[in-house]
Amino acid sequence: MALCRELVGGGVDIATVVELDGHADINMTRRYAKPTAIELERAIEKAFHA
């Protein structure tokens, strides 16, 4: 789960993460790659305070 988040957060596209993790369904990868509340907060701060 943390690996998916790290990969997506590091800029690896979701299709590549699906292949690396061996998930049969992209939705499973999306579930594991879901950002944390802190990551969402940082993204908002970055977008509006850049």
PDB file of N, CA and C in Angstrom:
ATOM      1  N   MET A   1       0.831  -1.185   0.000  1.00  0.00           N
ATOM      2  CA  MET A   1       0.000   0.000   0.000  1.00  0.00           C
ATOM      3  C   MET A   1       0.876   1.249   0.000  1.00  0.00           C
ATOM      4  N   ALA A   2       1.820   1.330   0.886  1.00  0.00           N
ATOM      5  CA  ALA A   2       2.694   2.501   0.945  1.00  0.00           C
ATOM      6  C   ALA A   2       3.540   2.603  -0.314  1.00  0.00           C
ATOM      7  N   LEU A   3       3.925   1.465  -0.877  1.00  0.00           N
ATOM      8  CA  LEU A   3       4.724   1.484  -2.098  1.00  0.00           C
ATOM      9  C   LEU A   3       3.947   2.132  -3.235  1.00  0.00           C
ATOM     10  N   CYS A   4       2.688   1.793  -3.394  1.00  0.00           N
ATOM     11  CA  CYS A   4       1.864   2.407  -4.442  1.00  0.00           C
ATOM     12  C   CYS A   4       1.811   3.914  -4.260  1.00  0.00           C
ATOM     13  N   ARG A   5       1.579   4.358  -3.041  1.00  0.00           N
ATOM     14  CA  ARG A   5       1.522   5.798  -2.756  1.00  0.00           C
ATOM     15  C   ARG A   5       2.842   6.471  -3.075  1.00  0.00           C
ATOM     16  N   GLU A   6       3.934   5.830  -2.691  1.00  0.00           N
ATOM     17  CA  GLU A   6       5.261   6.393  -2.945  1.00  0.00           C
ATOM     18  C   GLU A   6       5.535   6.496  -4.441  1.00  0.00           C
ATOM     19  N   LEU A   7       5.196   5.463  -5.183  1.00  0.00           N
ATOM     20  CA  LEU A   7       5.441   5.478  -6.625  1.00  0.00           C
ATOM     21  C   LEU A   7       4.614   6.552  -7.319  1.00  0.00           C
ATOM     22  N   VAL A   8       3.327   6.584  -7.026  1.00  0.00           N
ATOM     23  CA  VAL A   8       2.452   7.585  -7.648  1.00  0.00           C
ATOM     24  C   VAL A   8       2.874   8.985  -7.212  1.00  0.00           C
ATOM     25  N   GLY A   9       3.165   9.150  -5.937  1.00  0.00           N
ATOM     26  CA  GLY A   9       3.607  10.442  -5.430  1.00  0.00           C
ATOM     27  C   GLY A   9       4.932  10.887  -6.025  1.00  0.00           C
ATOM     28  N   GLY A  10       5.730   9.923  -6.442  1.00  0.00           N
ATOM     29  CA  GLY A  10       7.015  10.224  -7.055  1.00  0.00           C
ATOM     30  C   GLY A  10       6.936  10.465  -8.548  1.00  0.00           C
ATOM     31  N   GLY A  11       5.709  10.406  -9.086  1.00  0.00           N
ATOM     32  CA  GLY A  11       5.534  10.728 -10.495  1.00  0.00           C
ATOM     33  C   GLY A  11       5.399   9.541 -11.430  1.00  0.00           C
ATOM     34  N   VAL A  12       5.401   8.325 -10.889  1.00  0.00           N
ATOM     35  CA  VAL A  12       5.216   7.149 -11.736  1.00  0.00           C
ATOM     36  C   VAL A  12       3.739   7.070 -12.112  1.00  0.00           C
ATOM     37  N   ASP A  13       3.459   6.883 -13.407  1.00  0.00           N
ATOM     38  CA  ASP A  13       2.054   6.857 -13.822  1.00  0.00           C
ATOM     39  C   ASP A  13       1.359   5.605 -13.296  1.00  0.00           C
ATOM     40  N   ILE A  14       0.059   5.721 -13.116  1.00  0.00           N
ATOM     41  CA  ILE A  14      -0.738   4.668 -12.475  1.00  0.00           C
ATOM     42  C   ILE A  14      -0.682   3.350 -13.247  1.00  0.00           C
ATOM     43  N   ALA A  15      -0.634   3.405 -14.580  1.00  0.00           N
ATOM     44  CA  ALA A  15      -0.575   2.179 -15.381  1.00  0.00           C
ATOM     45  C   ALA A  15       0.712   1.403 -15.096  1.00  0.00           C
ATOM     46  N   THR A  16       1.798   2.108 -14.910  1.00  0.00           N
ATOM     47  CA  THR A  16       3.071   1.461 -14.593  1.00  0.00           C
ATOM     48  C   THR A  16       3.025   0.849 -13.202  1.00  0.00           C
ATOM     49  N   VAL A  17       2.418   1.544 -12.260  1.00  0.00           N
ATOM     50  CA  VAL A  17       2.293   1.019 -10.894  1.00  0.00           C
ATOM     51  C   VAL A  17       1.444  -0.250 -10.895  1.00  0.00           C
ATOM     52  N   VAL A  18       0.384  -0.275 -11.700  1.00  0.00           N
ATOM     53  CA  VAL A  18      -0.455  -1.480 -11.815  1.00  0.00           C
ATOM     54  C   VAL A  18       0.410  -2.663 -12.229  1.00  0.00           C
ATOM     55  N   GLU A  19       1.244  -2.461 -13.236  1.00  0.00           N
ATOM     56  CA  GLU A  19       2.100  -3.540 -13.732  1.00  0.00           C
ATOM     57  C   GLU A  19       3.144  -3.955 -12.697  1.00  0.00           C
ATOM     58  N   LEU A  20       3.757  -2.987 -12.051  1.00  0.00           N
ATOM     59  CA  LEU A  20       4.787  -3.295 -11.057  1.00  0.00           C
ATOM     60  C   LEU A  20       4.231  -4.081  -9.878  1.00  0.00           C
ATOM     61  N   ASP A  21       3.036  -3.717  -9.443  1.00  0.00           N
ATOM     62  CA  ASP A  21       2.434  -4.384  -8.290  1.00  0.00           C
ATOM     63  C   ASP A  21       1.691  -5.660  -8.656  1.00  0.00           C
ATOM     64  N   GLY A  22       1.442  -5.857  -9.952  1.00  0.00           N
ATOM     65  CA  GLY A  22       0.775  -7.076 -10.392  1.00  0.00           C
ATOM     66  C   GLY A  22      -0.718  -7.103 -10.135  1.00  0.00           C
ATOM     67  N   HIS A  23      -1.320  -5.937  -9.940  1.00  0.00           N
ATOM     68  CA  HIS A  23      -2.763  -5.899  -9.734  1.00  0.00           C
ATOM     69  C   HIS A  23      -3.492  -6.196 -11.037  1.00  0.00           C
ATOM     70  N   ALA A  24      -4.554  -6.965 -10.953  1.00  0.00           N
ATOM     71  CA  ALA A  24      -5.352  -7.289 -12.137  1.00  0.00           C
ATOM     72  C   ALA A  24      -6.279  -6.140 -12.503  1.00  0.00           C
ATOM     73  N   ASP A  25      -6.556  -5.270 -11.546  1.00  0.00           N
ATOM     74  CA  ASP A  25      -7.526  -4.194 -11.745  1.00  0.00           C
ATOM     75  C   ASP A  25      -6.915  -2.869 -11.311  1.00  0.00           C
ATOM     76  N   ILE A  26      -6.985  -1.867 -12.179  1.00  0.00           N
ATOM     77  CA  ILE A  26      -6.425  -0.548 -11.878  1.00  0.00           C
ATOM     78  C   ILE A  26      -7.098   0.080 -10.657  1.00  0.00           C
ATOM     79  N   ASN A  27      -8.353  -0.281 -10.406  1.00  0.00           N
ATOM     80  CA  ASN A  27      -9.060   0.281  -9.251  1.00  0.00           C
ATOM     81  C   ASN A  27      -8.437  -0.157  -7.927  1.00  0.00           C
ATOM     82  N   MET A  28      -7.875  -1.353  -7.895  1.00  0.00           N
ATOM     83  CA  MET A  28      -7.186  -1.807  -6.683  1.00  0.00           C
ATOM     84  C   MET A  28      -5.951  -0.942  -6.443  1.00  0.00           C
ATOM     85  N   THR A  29      -5.217  -0.658  -7.501  1.00  0.00           N
ATOM     86  CA  THR A  29      -4.033   0.193  -7.371  1.00  0.00           C
ATOM     87  C   THR A  29      -4.436   1.586  -6.923  1.00  0.00           C
ATOM     88  N   ARG A  30      -5.499   2.113  -7.504  1.00  0.00           N
ATOM     89  CA  ARG A  30      -5.978   3.441  -7.104  1.00  0.00           C
ATOM     90  C   ARG A  30      -6.339   3.469  -5.625  1.00  0.00           C
ATOM     91  N   ARG A  31      -6.937   2.401  -5.144  1.00  0.00           N
ATOM     92  CA  ARG A  31      -7.303   2.342  -3.726  1.00  0.00           C
ATOM     93  C   ARG A  31      -6.051   2.398  -2.857  1.00  0.00           C
ATOM     94  N   TYR A  32      -5.030   1.643  -3.238  1.00  0.00           N
ATOM     95  CA  TYR A  32      -3.792   1.623  -2.465  1.00  0.00           C
ATOM     96  C   TYR A  32      -3.001   2.910  -2.602  1.00  0.00           C
ATOM     97  N   ALA A  33      -3.135   3.587  -3.742  1.00  0.00           N
ATOM     98  CA  ALA A  33      -2.372   4.811  -3.992  1.00  0.00           C
ATOM     99  C   ALA A  33      -3.094   6.055  -3.492  1.00  0.00           C
ATOM    100  N   LYS A  34      -4.246   5.880  -2.876  1.00  0.00           N
ATOM    101  CA  LYS A  34      -5.031   7.017  -2.396  1.00  0.00           C
ATOM    102  C   LYS A  34      -4.182   7.874  -1.452  1.00  0.00           C
ATOM    103  N   PRO A  35      -4.141   9.182  -1.714  1.00  0.00           N
ATOM    104  CA  PRO A  35      -3.317  10.052  -0.872  1.00  0.00           C
ATOM    105  C   PRO A  35      -3.863  10.171   0.553  1.00  0.00           C
ATOM    106  N   THR A  36      -2.957  10.394   1.476  1.00  0.00           N
ATOM    107  CA  THR A  36      -3.350  10.605   2.867  1.00  0.00           C
ATOM    108  C   THR A  36      -3.877  12.028   3.032  1.00  0.00           C
ATOM    109  N   ALA A  37      -4.474  12.298   4.162  1.00  0.00           N
ATOM    110  CA  ALA A  37      -4.987  13.644   4.443  1.00  0.00           C
ATOM    111  C   ALA A  37      -3.855  14.670   4.418  1.00  0.00           C
ATOM    112  N   ILE A  38      -2.708  14.306   4.935  1.00  0.00           N
ATOM    113  CA  ILE A  38      -1.558  15.215   4.937  1.00  0.00           C
ATOM    114  C   ILE A  38      -1.100  15.492   3.509  1.00  0.00           C
ATOM    115  N   GLU A  39      -1.065  14.468   2.672  1.00  0.00           N
ATOM    116  CA  GLU A  39      -0.666  14.657   1.275  1.00  0.00           C
ATOM    117  C   GLU A  39      -1.650  15.560   0.541  1.00  0.00           C
ATOM    118  N   LEU A  40      -2.939  15.409   0.821  1.00  0.00           N
ATOM    119  CA  LEU A  40      -3.946  16.277   0.207  1.00  0.00           C
ATOM    120  C   LEU A  40      -3.763  17.721   0.662  1.00  0.00           C
ATOM    121  N   GLU A  41      -3.513  17.899   1.939  1.00  0.00           N
ATOM    122  CA  GLU A  41      -3.303  19.242   2.479  1.00  0.00           C
ATOM    123  C   GLU A  41      -2.080  19.905   1.842  1.00  0.00           C
ATOM    124  N   ARG A  42      -1.010  19.154   1.704  1.00  0.00           N
ATOM    125  CA  ARG A  42       0.206  19.692   1.077  1.00  0.00           C
ATOM    126  C   ARG A  42      -0.042  20.062  -0.386  1.00  0.00           C
ATOM    127  N   ALA A  43      -0.818  19.257  -1.083  1.00  0.00           N
ATOM    128  CA  ALA A  43      -1.120  19.544  -2.488  1.00  0.00           C
ATOM    129  C   ALA A  43      -1.915  20.834  -2.621  1.00  0.00           C
ATOM    130  N   ILE A  44      -2.864  21.044  -1.718  1.00  0.00           N
ATOM    131  CA  ILE A  44      -3.660  22.274  -1.741  1.00  0.00           C
ATOM    132  C   ILE A  44      -2.777  23.471  -1.427  1.00  0.00           C
ATOM    133  N   GLU A  45      -1.929  23.340  -0.414  1.00  0.00           N
ATOM    134  CA  GLU A  45      -1.013  24.435  -0.067  1.00  0.00           C
ATOM    135  C   GLU A  45      -0.095  24.765  -1.235  1.00  0.00           C
ATOM    136  N   LYS A  46       0.416  23.752  -1.886  1.00  0.00           N
ATOM    137  CA  LYS A  46       1.311  23.957  -3.018  1.00  0.00           C
ATOM    138  C   LYS A  46       0.587  24.656  -4.168  1.00  0.00           C
ATOM    139  N   ALA A  47      -0.638  24.262  -4.422  1.00  0.00           N
ATOM    140  CA  ALA A  47      -1.397  24.835  -5.534  1.00  0.00           C
ATOM    141  C   ALA A  47      -1.755  26.297  -5.302  1.00  0.00           C
ATOM    142  N   PHE A  48      -2.078  26.647  -4.069  1.00  0.00           N
ATOM    143  CA  PHE A  48      -2.570  27.994  -3.801  1.00  0.00           C
ATOM    144  C   PHE A  48      -1.549  28.934  -3.173  1.00  0.00           C
ATOM    145  N   HIS A  49      -0.397  28.412  -2.804  1.00  0.00           N
ATOM    146  CA  HIS A  49       0.629  29.250  -2.190  1.00  0.00           C
ATOM    147  C   HIS A  49       1.955  29.164  -2.932  1.00  0.00           C
ATOM    148  N   ALA A  50       1.889  28.772  -4.170  1.00  0.00           N
ATOM    149  CA  ALA A  50       3.130  28.608  -4.960  1.00  0.00           C
ATOM    150  C   ALA A  50       3.672  29.932  -5.429  1.00  0.00           C
TER     151      ALA A  50
END
